[in-house]
Amino acid sequence: RWALNRDNGPRIPNEKNIDKLRQQLEYVRTKHAIQLPPVTGKVTIGIPLYNMSEFVVEALKSAQAQTYQDLEIMILDDKSTDHSLEFIRGYLLENPDPRVKLLAFDENRGVHNALSQMAFRAGGVFFVPLAADDKIEPTFIERCLARYEINPWLEMVASQTDFMDAEGKILEKNDSLTPFQKSVFGIPKAVNTSREQWLNLLYHGNVYFGAAMYRTMTLSEVGGWIQKYNIIGDYEMYLKLLQRENIYVIE
């Protein structure tokens, strides 16, 4: 109370002290400049591969076809038993791409270990996990980076998603779908909200996102994905990120 009520003298700069205050302000701004996180740079797309020989080439092609071309594409085979590794090697032999790096585990370690291994080895400023049976739109990387440029403090930019059948045809709700195919339409699409609302929403359970872009450094700082959480490994990642800053959904 004494500090609030004491007379601190003039609070508005006057002719006598304005130059000194300007010098002090410039010093403070230089000494303690705000370091904004990067909003562009190389992007690593990581594709964990396990028994997806019939789909992985389409996933890889969707990564290669991005409008943003400063890419590193990593494929890590998690000890597939269906010759996925040989299949993708054959494709790359016929279609060489210096951006593509092919890695392999000597034993099956799980998708989250594969994602973390690629993220920790990634040369990109940003990291995008891409399932071997998924595809991303050609503008996905470009649009994610545009959101980081608008808000450099975002920890994740994600998409909404469509579902497709084994032939790559987008599913539309109708009576001819199988019971499993119909079930995917009961999954609500993620929409934007505040960080506090995200935390409240996720307290009650997971939310389904499409593909996502993360800061590579952040993934290392939070310890990557944890394999023991199995199918809720992504859920645990969202919670870790929201302890730091907000996430964004391209609706």
C-alpha atoms as a PDB file:
ATOM      1  CA  ARG A   1       0.000   0.000   0.000  1.00  0.00           C
ATOM      2  CA  TRP A   2       2.866   2.358   0.783  1.00  0.00           C
ATOM      3  CA  ALA A   3       4.295   1.686  -2.692  1.00  0.00           C
ATOM      4  CA  LEU A   4       0.956   2.482  -4.299  1.00  0.00           C
ATOM      5  CA  ASN A   5       0.416   5.724  -2.399  1.00  0.00           C
ATOM      6  CA  ARG A   6       3.886   7.215  -2.306  1.00  0.00           C
ATOM      7  CA  ASP A   7       4.707  10.150  -4.544  1.00  0.00           C
ATOM      8  CA  ASN A   8       6.930   8.834  -7.349  1.00  0.00           C
ATOM      9  CA  GLY A   9       7.313  12.198  -9.018  1.00  0.00           C
ATOM     10  CA  PRO A  10       6.456  12.929 -12.652  1.00  0.00           C
ATOM     11  CA  ARG A  11       5.282   9.891 -14.647  1.00  0.00           C
ATOM     12  CA  ILE A  12       5.194  11.581 -18.040  1.00  0.00           C
ATOM     13  CA  PRO A  13       8.479  12.177 -19.924  1.00  0.00           C
ATOM     14  CA  ASN A  14       9.485  15.840 -20.113  1.00  0.00           C
ATOM     15  CA  GLU A  15      12.082  17.734 -22.103  1.00  0.00           C
ATOM     16  CA  LYS A  16      14.726  17.101 -19.445  1.00  0.00           C
ATOM     17  CA  ASN A  17      14.530  13.329 -19.394  1.00  0.00           C
ATOM     18  CA  ILE A  18      13.072  12.354 -22.782  1.00  0.00           C
ATOM     19  CA  ASP A  19      16.462  11.698 -24.458  1.00  0.00           C
ATOM     20  CA  LYS A  20      17.635   9.598 -21.527  1.00  0.00           C
ATOM     21  CA  LEU A  21      14.420   7.588 -21.535  1.00  0.00           C
ATOM     22  CA  ARG A  22      14.734   6.969 -25.259  1.00  0.00           C
ATOM     23  CA  GLN A  23      18.277   5.674 -24.789  1.00  0.00           C
ATOM     24  CA  GLN A  24      17.153   3.408 -21.975  1.00  0.00           C
ATOM     25  CA  LEU A  25      14.230   2.105 -24.021  1.00  0.00           C
ATOM     26  CA  GLU A  26      16.460   1.364 -26.988  1.00  0.00           C
ATOM     27  CA  TYR A  27      18.907  -0.459 -24.699  1.00  0.00           C
ATOM     28  CA  VAL A  28      16.154  -2.612 -23.188  1.00  0.00           C
ATOM     29  CA  ARG A  29      14.668  -3.439 -26.591  1.00  0.00           C
ATOM     30  CA  THR A  30      18.103  -4.488 -27.882  1.00  0.00           C
ATOM     31  CA  LYS A  31      19.106  -6.379 -24.750  1.00  0.00           C
ATOM     32  CA  HIS A  32      15.801  -8.216 -24.402  1.00  0.00           C
ATOM     33  CA  ALA A  33      14.564  -8.457 -27.977  1.00  0.00           C
ATOM     34  CA  ILE A  34      11.677 -10.858 -28.534  1.00  0.00           C
ATOM     35  CA  GLN A  35      12.943 -13.857 -30.482  1.00  0.00           C
ATOM     36  CA  LEU A  36      10.061 -15.004 -32.652  1.00  0.00           C
ATOM     37  CA  PRO A  37      10.048 -18.680 -33.645  1.00  0.00           C
ATOM     38  CA  PRO A  38      10.815 -19.332 -37.338  1.00  0.00           C
ATOM     39  CA  VAL A  39       7.818 -19.320 -39.670  1.00  0.00           C
ATOM     40  CA  THR A  40       9.430 -20.885 -42.738  1.00  0.00           C
ATOM     41  CA  GLY A  41      12.268 -23.183 -43.722  1.00  0.00           C
ATOM     42  CA  LYS A  42      12.805 -26.786 -44.724  1.00  0.00           C
ATOM     43  CA  VAL A  43       9.946 -29.159 -43.880  1.00  0.00           C
ATOM     44  CA  THR A  44      10.518 -32.834 -43.082  1.00  0.00           C
ATOM     45  CA  ILE A  45       7.692 -35.222 -43.953  1.00  0.00           C
ATOM     46  CA  GLY A  46       8.039 -38.467 -41.994  1.00  0.00           C
ATOM     47  CA  ILE A  47       6.268 -41.610 -43.235  1.00  0.00           C
ATOM     48  CA  PRO A  48       6.268 -44.567 -40.805  1.00  0.00           C
ATOM     49  CA  LEU A  49       5.919 -47.763 -42.831  1.00  0.00           C
ATOM     50  CA  TYR A  50       4.575 -51.092 -41.655  1.00  0.00           C
ATOM     51  CA  ASN A  51       2.899 -53.515 -44.063  1.00  0.00           C
ATOM     52  CA  MET A  52       1.514 -50.837 -46.362  1.00  0.00           C
ATOM     53  CA  SER A  53       3.111 -51.821 -49.671  1.00  0.00           C
ATOM     54  CA  GLU A  54      -0.093 -51.223 -51.657  1.00  0.00           C
ATOM     55  CA  PHE A  55      -0.570 -47.659 -50.347  1.00  0.00           C
ATOM     56  CA  VAL A  56       2.823 -46.166 -49.481  1.00  0.00           C
ATOM     57  CA  VAL A  57       3.691 -45.047 -53.018  1.00  0.00           C
ATOM     58  CA  GLU A  58       0.546 -42.907 -53.171  1.00  0.00           C
ATOM     59  CA  ALA A  59       1.437 -41.372 -49.804  1.00  0.00           C
ATOM     60  CA  LEU A  60       4.951 -40.625 -51.053  1.00  0.00           C
ATOM     61  CA  LYS A  61       3.635 -39.133 -54.298  1.00  0.00           C
ATOM     62  CA  SER A  62       1.370 -36.768 -52.350  1.00  0.00           C
ATOM     63  CA  ALA A  63       4.401 -35.608 -50.356  1.00  0.00           C
ATOM     64  CA  GLN A  64       6.469 -35.099 -53.505  1.00  0.00           C
ATOM     65  CA  ALA A  65       3.674 -33.127 -55.183  1.00  0.00           C
ATOM     66  CA  GLN A  66       3.590 -30.313 -52.628  1.00  0.00           C
ATOM     67  CA  THR A  67       3.541 -26.752 -53.969  1.00  0.00           C
ATOM     68  CA  TYR A  68       6.137 -25.935 -51.284  1.00  0.00           C
ATOM     69  CA  GLN A  69       9.243 -27.774 -52.433  1.00  0.00           C
ATOM     70  CA  ASP A  70      11.881 -27.195 -49.720  1.00  0.00           C
ATOM     71  CA  LEU A  71      11.295 -30.696 -48.390  1.00  0.00           C
ATOM     72  CA  GLU A  72      13.011 -33.654 -46.817  1.00  0.00           C
ATOM     73  CA  ILE A  73      10.974 -36.870 -47.013  1.00  0.00           C
ATOM     74  CA  MET A  74      11.857 -39.667 -44.616  1.00  0.00           C
ATOM     75  CA  ILE A  75      10.402 -43.196 -44.809  1.00  0.00           C
ATOM     76  CA  LEU A  76      11.136 -45.504 -41.866  1.00  0.00           C
ATOM     77  CA  ASP A  77      10.228 -49.149 -42.287  1.00  0.00           C
ATOM     78  CA  ASP A  78       9.188 -50.681 -38.953  1.00  0.00           C
ATOM     79  CA  LYS A  79      10.273 -54.241 -39.835  1.00  0.00           C
ATOM     80  CA  SER A  80       7.444 -54.883 -42.280  1.00  0.00           C
ATOM     81  CA  THR A  81       6.579 -58.496 -43.059  1.00  0.00           C
ATOM     82  CA  ASP A  82       4.892 -57.854 -46.422  1.00  0.00           C
ATOM     83  CA  HIS A  83       7.963 -56.740 -48.411  1.00  0.00           C
ATOM     84  CA  SER A  84       7.047 -53.037 -48.040  1.00  0.00           C
ATOM     85  CA  LEU A  85      10.719 -52.140 -47.758  1.00  0.00           C
ATOM     86  CA  GLU A  86      11.669 -53.951 -50.961  1.00  0.00           C
ATOM     87  CA  PHE A  87       8.662 -52.461 -52.720  1.00  0.00           C
ATOM     88  CA  ILE A  88       9.514 -48.854 -51.859  1.00  0.00           C
ATOM     89  CA  ARG A  89      13.186 -49.452 -52.697  1.00  0.00           C
ATOM     90  CA  GLY A  90      12.133 -50.636 -56.116  1.00  0.00           C
ATOM     91  CA  TYR A  91       9.963 -47.590 -56.654  1.00  0.00           C
ATOM     92  CA  LEU A  92      12.759 -45.201 -55.652  1.00  0.00           C
ATOM     93  CA  LEU A  93      15.220 -47.045 -57.901  1.00  0.00           C
ATOM     94  CA  GLU A  94      12.952 -46.306 -60.859  1.00  0.00           C
ATOM     95  CA  ASN A  95      11.977 -42.832 -59.601  1.00  0.00           C
ATOM     96  CA  PRO A  96      15.010 -41.380 -57.790  1.00  0.00           C
ATOM     97  CA  ASP A  97      14.412 -38.315 -55.630  1.00  0.00           C
ATOM     98  CA  PRO A  98      17.337 -36.872 -53.623  1.00  0.00           C
ATOM     99  CA  ARG A  99      14.877 -35.483 -51.073  1.00  0.00           C
ATOM    100  CA  VAL A 100      13.806 -38.990 -50.020  1.00  0.00           C
ATOM    101  CA  LYS A 101      15.681 -40.814 -47.242  1.00  0.00           C
ATOM    102  CA  LEU A 102      14.868 -44.457 -46.579  1.00  0.00           C
ATOM    103  CA  LEU A 103      15.466 -45.837 -43.072  1.00  0.00           C
ATOM    104  CA  ALA A 104      14.654 -49.174 -41.436  1.00  0.00           C
ATOM    105  CA  PHE A 105      14.370 -50.574 -37.908  1.00  0.00           C
ATOM    106  CA  ASP A 106      16.015 -53.946 -37.230  1.00  0.00           C
ATOM    107  CA  GLU A 107      12.939 -54.966 -35.221  1.00  0.00           C
ATOM    108  CA  ASN A 108       9.318 -53.849 -34.939  1.00  0.00           C
ATOM    109  CA  ARG A 109       9.219 -50.951 -32.476  1.00  0.00           C
ATOM    110  CA  GLY A 110       5.842 -49.340 -33.117  1.00  0.00           C
ATOM    111  CA  VAL A 111       4.582 -46.304 -34.984  1.00  0.00           C
ATOM    112  CA  HIS A 112       5.308 -43.752 -32.242  1.00  0.00           C
ATOM    113  CA  ASN A 113       8.909 -44.885 -31.895  1.00  0.00           C
ATOM    114  CA  ALA A 114       9.220 -44.594 -35.667  1.00  0.00           C
ATOM    115  CA  LEU A 115       7.772 -41.071 -35.675  1.00  0.00           C
ATOM    116  CA  SER A 116      10.034 -39.942 -32.835  1.00  0.00           C
ATOM    117  CA  GLN A 117      13.124 -41.408 -34.476  1.00  0.00           C
ATOM    118  CA  MET A 118      12.395 -39.510 -37.698  1.00  0.00           C
ATOM    119  CA  ALA A 119      11.598 -36.282 -35.827  1.00  0.00           C
ATOM    120  CA  PHE A 120      14.846 -36.487 -33.845  1.00  0.00           C
ATOM    121  CA  ARG A 121      16.839 -37.051 -37.056  1.00  0.00           C
ATOM    122  CA  ALA A 122      14.907 -34.524 -39.157  1.00  0.00           C
ATOM    123  CA  GLY A 123      16.771 -31.730 -40.887  1.00  0.00           C
ATOM    124  CA  GLY A 124      13.648 -29.613 -41.304  1.00  0.00           C
ATOM    125  CA  VAL A 125      12.495 -26.707 -39.173  1.00  0.00           C
ATOM    126  CA  PHE A 126       9.029 -28.285 -39.254  1.00  0.00           C
ATOM    127  CA  PHE A 127       7.948 -31.925 -39.111  1.00  0.00           C
ATOM    128  CA  VAL A 128       4.855 -33.497 -40.701  1.00  0.00           C
ATOM    129  CA  PRO A 129       3.930 -37.106 -39.872  1.00  0.00           C
ATOM    130  CA  LEU A 130       2.178 -38.811 -42.787  1.00  0.00           C
ATOM    131  CA  ALA A 131       0.632 -42.262 -42.412  1.00  0.00           C
ATOM    132  CA  ALA A 132       1.629 -44.647 -45.198  1.00  0.00           C
ATOM    133  CA  ASP A 133      -2.028 -45.095 -46.192  1.00  0.00           C
ATOM    134  CA  ASP A 134      -2.866 -41.365 -46.169  1.00  0.00           C
ATOM    135  CA  LYS A 135      -2.472 -38.571 -48.701  1.00  0.00           C
ATOM    136  CA  ILE A 136      -2.175 -34.810 -48.270  1.00  0.00           C
ATOM    137  CA  GLU A 137      -3.466 -32.131 -50.608  1.00  0.00           C
ATOM    138  CA  PRO A 138      -0.780 -30.435 -52.764  1.00  0.00           C
ATOM    139  CA  THR A 139      -1.149 -27.129 -50.867  1.00  0.00           C
ATOM    140  CA  PHE A 140      -1.026 -28.668 -47.378  1.00  0.00           C
ATOM    141  CA  ILE A 141       2.542 -27.600 -46.497  1.00  0.00           C
ATOM    142  CA  GLU A 142       2.080 -24.151 -48.022  1.00  0.00           C
ATOM    143  CA  ARG A 143      -1.125 -23.490 -46.083  1.00  0.00           C
ATOM    144  CA  CYS A 144       0.309 -24.710 -42.768  1.00  0.00           C
ATOM    145  CA  LEU A 145       3.316 -22.396 -43.094  1.00  0.00           C
ATOM    146  CA  ALA A 146       0.976 -19.503 -43.899  1.00  0.00           C
ATOM    147  CA  ARG A 147      -0.749 -20.021 -40.533  1.00  0.00           C
ATOM    148  CA  TYR A 148       2.588 -20.029 -38.690  1.00  0.00           C
ATOM    149  CA  GLU A 149       3.420 -16.746 -40.400  1.00  0.00           C
ATOM    150  CA  ILE A 150       0.173 -15.230 -39.089  1.00  0.00           C
ATOM    151  CA  ASN A 151       0.808 -16.552 -35.565  1.00  0.00           C
ATOM    152  CA  PRO A 152       4.447 -17.553 -34.931  1.00  0.00           C
ATOM    153  CA  TRP A 153       3.597 -18.907 -31.461  1.00  0.00           C
ATOM    154  CA  LEU A 154       1.442 -21.793 -32.677  1.00  0.00           C
ATOM    155  CA  GLU A 155       2.728 -25.224 -31.656  1.00  0.00           C
ATOM    156  CA  MET A 156       0.759 -27.257 -34.214  1.00  0.00           C
ATOM    157  CA  VAL A 157      -1.195 -26.563 -37.393  1.00  0.00           C
ATOM    158  CA  ALA A 158      -3.522 -29.379 -38.428  1.00  0.00           C
ATOM    159  CA  SER A 159      -6.057 -30.084 -41.144  1.00  0.00           C
ATOM    160  CA  GLN A 160      -9.506 -31.532 -41.137  1.00  0.00           C
ATOM    161  CA  THR A 161      -9.839 -34.793 -43.026  1.00  0.00           C
ATOM    162  CA  ASP A 162     -11.778 -36.810 -45.541  1.00  0.00           C
ATOM    163  CA  PHE A 163     -11.930 -40.595 -45.520  1.00  0.00           C
ATOM    164  CA  MET A 164     -11.268 -42.725 -48.575  1.00  0.00           C
ATOM    165  CA  ASP A 165     -11.568 -46.370 -49.540  1.00  0.00           C
ATOM    166  CA  ALA A 166      -8.761 -48.693 -50.628  1.00  0.00           C
ATOM    167  CA  GLU A 167      -8.955 -47.366 -54.188  1.00  0.00           C
ATOM    168  CA  GLY A 168      -8.504 -43.774 -53.016  1.00  0.00           C
ATOM    169  CA  LYS A 169     -12.114 -42.726 -53.604  1.00  0.00           C
ATOM    170  CA  ILE A 170     -13.432 -40.161 -51.114  1.00  0.00           C
ATOM    171  CA  LEU A 171     -16.229 -41.668 -49.040  1.00  0.00           C
ATOM    172  CA  GLU A 172     -19.601 -39.971 -49.055  1.00  0.00           C
ATOM    173  CA  LYS A 173     -22.311 -40.893 -46.596  1.00  0.00           C
ATOM    174  CA  ASN A 174     -24.852 -43.249 -48.164  1.00  0.00           C
ATOM    175  CA  ASP A 175     -26.653 -46.512 -47.459  1.00  0.00           C
ATOM    176  CA  SER A 176     -24.219 -48.638 -49.472  1.00  0.00           C
ATOM    177  CA  LEU A 177     -21.310 -48.082 -47.060  1.00  0.00           C
ATOM    178  CA  THR A 178     -20.131 -50.866 -44.772  1.00  0.00           C
ATOM    179  CA  PRO A 179     -20.874 -50.479 -41.039  1.00  0.00           C
ATOM    180  CA  PHE A 180     -17.229 -49.526 -40.435  1.00  0.00           C
ATOM    181  CA  GLN A 181     -17.267 -46.949 -43.237  1.00  0.00           C
ATOM    182  CA  LYS A 182     -20.472 -45.451 -41.827  1.00  0.00           C
ATOM    183  CA  SER A 183     -18.866 -45.191 -38.392  1.00  0.00           C
ATOM    184  CA  VAL A 184     -16.251 -42.684 -39.574  1.00  0.00           C
ATOM    185  CA  PHE A 185     -18.971 -40.128 -40.242  1.00  0.00           C
ATOM    186  CA  GLY A 186     -19.723 -40.112 -36.529  1.00  0.00           C
ATOM    187  CA  ILE A 187     -16.282 -38.646 -35.808  1.00  0.00           C
ATOM    188  CA  PRO A 188     -16.592 -34.848 -35.377  1.00  0.00           C
ATOM    189  CA  LYS A 189     -14.108 -32.727 -37.299  1.00  0.00           C
ATOM    190  CA  ALA A 190     -11.809 -30.533 -35.238  1.00  0.00           C
ATOM    191  CA  VAL A 191     -12.572 -26.800 -35.353  1.00  0.00           C
ATOM    192  CA  ASN A 192     -10.684 -23.828 -33.958  1.00  0.00           C
ATOM    193  CA  THR A 193     -11.060 -22.658 -30.392  1.00  0.00           C
ATOM    194  CA  SER A 194      -8.985 -21.020 -27.665  1.00  0.00           C
ATOM    195  CA  ARG A 195      -6.193 -22.821 -25.849  1.00  0.00           C
ATOM    196  CA  GLU A 196      -8.251 -22.916 -22.658  1.00  0.00           C
ATOM    197  CA  GLN A 197     -11.225 -24.403 -24.500  1.00  0.00           C
ATOM    198  CA  TRP A 198      -8.980 -26.998 -26.158  1.00  0.00           C
ATOM    199  CA  LEU A 199      -7.727 -28.104 -22.756  1.00  0.00           C
ATOM    200  CA  ASN A 200     -11.271 -28.317 -21.411  1.00  0.00           C
ATOM    201  CA  LEU A 201     -12.427 -30.256 -24.475  1.00  0.00           C
ATOM    202  CA  LEU A 202      -9.507 -32.690 -24.405  1.00  0.00           C
ATOM    203  CA  TYR A 203     -10.029 -33.300 -20.696  1.00  0.00           C
ATOM    204  CA  HIS A 204     -13.071 -35.345 -21.707  1.00  0.00           C
ATOM    205  CA  GLY A 205     -11.379 -37.278 -24.542  1.00  0.00           C
ATOM    206  CA  ASN A 206      -9.519 -37.098 -27.821  1.00  0.00           C
ATOM    207  CA  VAL A 207     -10.347 -35.067 -30.937  1.00  0.00           C
ATOM    208  CA  TYR A 208      -9.778 -36.340 -34.477  1.00  0.00           C
ATOM    209  CA  PHE A 209      -7.377 -34.204 -36.507  1.00  0.00           C
ATOM    210  CA  GLY A 210      -6.162 -34.831 -40.030  1.00  0.00           C
ATOM    211  CA  ALA A 211      -2.517 -34.335 -40.969  1.00  0.00           C
ATOM    212  CA  ALA A 212      -0.500 -31.952 -38.783  1.00  0.00           C
ATOM    213  CA  MET A 213       2.653 -29.846 -38.879  1.00  0.00           C
ATOM    214  CA  TYR A 214       4.826 -29.466 -35.772  1.00  0.00           C
ATOM    215  CA  ARG A 215       7.955 -27.514 -34.936  1.00  0.00           C
ATOM    216  CA  THR A 216      10.790 -30.031 -35.038  1.00  0.00           C
ATOM    217  CA  MET A 217      12.544 -28.439 -32.062  1.00  0.00           C
ATOM    218  CA  THR A 218       9.359 -28.620 -30.002  1.00  0.00           C
ATOM    219  CA  LEU A 219       9.044 -32.360 -30.633  1.00  0.00           C
ATOM    220  CA  SER A 220      12.529 -32.870 -29.211  1.00  0.00           C
ATOM    221  CA  GLU A 221      11.822 -30.627 -26.235  1.00  0.00           C
ATOM    222  CA  VAL A 222       8.676 -32.550 -25.253  1.00  0.00           C
ATOM    223  CA  GLY A 223      10.313 -35.950 -25.787  1.00  0.00           C
ATOM    224  CA  GLY A 224       8.539 -36.981 -28.981  1.00  0.00           C
ATOM    225  CA  TRP A 225       5.737 -39.515 -29.100  1.00  0.00           C
ATOM    226  CA  ILE A 226       5.601 -42.132 -26.338  1.00  0.00           C
ATOM    227  CA  GLN A 227       5.074 -45.665 -27.641  1.00  0.00           C
ATOM    228  CA  LYS A 228       3.561 -47.026 -24.411  1.00  0.00           C
ATOM    229  CA  TYR A 229       0.473 -44.875 -24.965  1.00  0.00           C
ATOM    230  CA  ASN A 230      -0.209 -46.828 -28.164  1.00  0.00           C
ATOM    231  CA  ILE A 231      -3.330 -45.541 -29.959  1.00  0.00           C
ATOM    232  CA  ILE A 232      -3.616 -42.447 -27.739  1.00  0.00           C
ATOM    233  CA  GLY A 233      -0.029 -41.351 -28.384  1.00  0.00           C
ATOM    234  CA  ASP A 234      -1.255 -38.431 -30.498  1.00  0.00           C
ATOM    235  CA  TYR A 235      -3.681 -37.427 -27.723  1.00  0.00           C
ATOM    236  CA  GLU A 236      -0.803 -37.256 -25.256  1.00  0.00           C
ATOM    237  CA  MET A 237       1.145 -35.125 -27.738  1.00  0.00           C
ATOM    238  CA  TYR A 238      -1.720 -32.617 -28.073  1.00  0.00           C
ATOM    239  CA  LEU A 239      -1.846 -32.243 -24.293  1.00  0.00           C
ATOM    240  CA  LYS A 240       1.909 -31.629 -24.090  1.00  0.00           C
ATOM    241  CA  LEU A 241       1.746 -28.984 -26.816  1.00  0.00           C
ATOM    242  CA  LEU A 242      -1.173 -27.184 -25.179  1.00  0.00           C
ATOM    243  CA  GLN A 243       0.873 -26.775 -22.009  1.00  0.00           C
ATOM    244  CA  ARG A 244       3.043 -24.475 -24.132  1.00  0.00           C
ATOM    245  CA  GLU A 245       0.876 -22.568 -26.652  1.00  0.00           C
ATOM    246  CA  ASN A 246      -2.200 -22.979 -28.837  1.00  0.00           C
ATOM    247  CA  ILE A 247      -2.860 -25.133 -31.905  1.00  0.00           C
ATOM    248  CA  TYR A 248      -4.708 -24.258 -35.115  1.00  0.00           C
ATOM    249  CA  VAL A 249      -6.990 -26.170 -37.481  1.00  0.00           C
ATOM    250  CA  ILE A 250      -7.287 -25.390 -41.183  1.00  0.00           C
ATOM    251  CA  GLU A 251     -11.049 -25.833 -41.408  1.00  0.00           C
END
